[in-house]
């Protein structure tokens, strides 16, 4: 999806990255294998997951001012379903336009 977003509209920059839950660091080598998006590791001191109130597989979409625009859960919305993929892509482009 990142490649599609990059080539669709060069006037808007959209960055997709992952943030792993603190305490699950041992899985980082597996999750990044063969992937190109940035992968960040949360810590108990930062507690990004807790501060943002996210659940497993949430995509938190921020607008241009880094304000929460939407949350899209990938467990409930499998991206293998084209309509779900399109919905997430639309949310990302809408947030970038704000």
Protein backbone atom coordinates (compact mmCIF):
# COMPACT_ATOMS: atom_id res chain seq x y z
CA UNK A 1 0.00 0.00 0.00
CA UNK A 2 2.85 2.40 0.77
CA UNK A 3 4.05 2.14 -2.83
CA UNK A 4 0.57 2.81 -4.17
CA UNK A 5 0.18 5.86 -1.95
CA UNK A 6 3.60 7.18 -2.94
CA UNK A 7 2.87 6.92 -6.66
CA UNK A 8 -0.77 8.10 -6.49
CA UNK A 9 -0.20 11.71 -5.47
CA UNK A 10 3.22 13.24 -5.00
CA UNK A 11 1.74 16.37 -3.40
CA UNK A 12 0.78 14.42 -0.25
CA UNK A 13 3.26 12.50 1.83
CA UNK A 14 1.90 9.51 3.71
CA UNK A 15 4.16 7.43 5.94
CA UNK A 16 3.15 3.99 7.16
CA UNK A 17 5.08 2.55 10.08
CA UNK A 18 4.57 -0.04 12.78
CA UNK A 19 4.90 0.21 16.54
CA UNK A 20 5.45 -3.02 18.44
CA UNK A 21 4.04 -3.51 21.94
CA UNK A 22 6.60 -3.27 24.77
CA UNK A 23 7.66 -6.70 25.92
CA UNK A 24 7.31 -8.34 22.51
CA UNK A 25 10.74 -7.37 21.21
CA UNK A 26 11.73 -10.98 20.53
CA UNK A 27 9.37 -11.04 17.54
CA UNK A 28 10.92 -8.02 15.80
CA UNK A 29 13.29 -9.98 13.52
CA UNK A 30 10.37 -12.06 12.24
CA UNK A 31 7.96 -9.17 11.68
CA UNK A 32 10.47 -7.08 9.70
CA UNK A 33 11.80 -9.93 7.56
CA UNK A 34 11.14 -9.11 3.91
CA UNK A 35 9.34 -5.85 4.71
CA UNK A 36 10.33 -2.26 4.05
CA UNK A 37 8.12 -0.12 6.33
CA UNK A 38 9.80 1.35 9.41
CA UNK A 39 9.22 -0.66 12.60
CA UNK A 40 9.47 1.05 15.99
CA UNK A 41 9.70 -0.60 19.38
CA UNK A 42 7.56 0.76 22.20
CA UNK A 43 9.03 0.69 25.71
CA UNK A 44 7.45 0.60 29.14
CA UNK A 45 8.87 4.09 29.76
CA UNK A 46 7.22 5.57 26.64
CA UNK A 47 4.06 3.38 26.76
CA UNK A 48 2.80 4.59 23.38
CA UNK A 49 0.27 1.74 23.19
CA UNK A 50 -1.15 2.68 26.59
CA UNK A 51 -1.19 6.43 25.98
CA UNK A 52 -2.92 5.98 22.63
CA UNK A 53 -5.29 3.30 23.93
CA UNK A 54 -4.67 1.00 20.99
CA UNK A 55 -5.49 -2.67 20.71
CA UNK A 56 -3.74 -5.42 18.80
CA UNK A 57 -3.58 -4.67 15.05
CA UNK A 58 -4.94 -1.13 15.28
CA UNK A 59 -3.88 1.29 12.57
CA UNK A 60 -3.85 4.77 14.07
CA UNK A 61 -4.16 7.34 11.32
CA UNK A 62 -2.87 10.83 12.00
CA UNK A 63 -3.59 14.01 10.05
CA UNK A 64 -0.98 16.51 8.88
CA UNK A 65 -0.83 18.01 12.38
CA UNK A 66 -0.24 14.56 13.95
CA UNK A 67 -3.73 14.53 15.46
CA UNK A 68 -5.68 11.29 15.56
CA UNK A 69 -7.91 11.15 12.49
CA UNK A 70 -9.14 7.55 12.69
CA UNK A 71 -8.39 4.08 14.00
CA UNK A 72 -8.78 1.08 11.72
CA UNK A 73 -8.42 -2.40 13.19
CA UNK A 74 -6.93 -5.04 10.89
CA UNK A 75 -8.36 -7.96 12.86
CA UNK A 76 -11.89 -6.72 12.21
CA UNK A 77 -11.06 -5.49 8.71
CA UNK A 78 -8.88 -8.04 6.93
CA UNK A 79 -6.95 -6.30 4.16
CA UNK A 80 -7.28 -9.40 2.00
CA UNK A 81 -10.85 -8.20 1.44
CA UNK A 82 -10.63 -5.56 -1.32
CA UNK A 83 -13.30 -3.32 0.24
CA UNK A 84 -11.36 -3.20 3.53
CA UNK A 85 -8.10 -2.46 1.72
CA UNK A 86 -9.79 0.36 -0.18
CA UNK A 87 -11.36 1.74 3.02
CA UNK A 88 -8.01 1.96 4.78
CA UNK A 89 -6.37 3.53 1.74
CA UNK A 90 -9.19 6.10 1.56
CA UNK A 91 -8.79 6.97 5.25
CA UNK A 92 -5.07 7.50 4.76
CA UNK A 93 -5.55 9.78 1.77
CA UNK A 94 -8.32 11.74 3.52
CA UNK A 95 -6.13 12.28 6.58
CA UNK A 96 -3.26 13.49 4.38
CA UNK A 97 -5.56 16.02 2.73
CA UNK A 98 -6.59 17.62 6.03
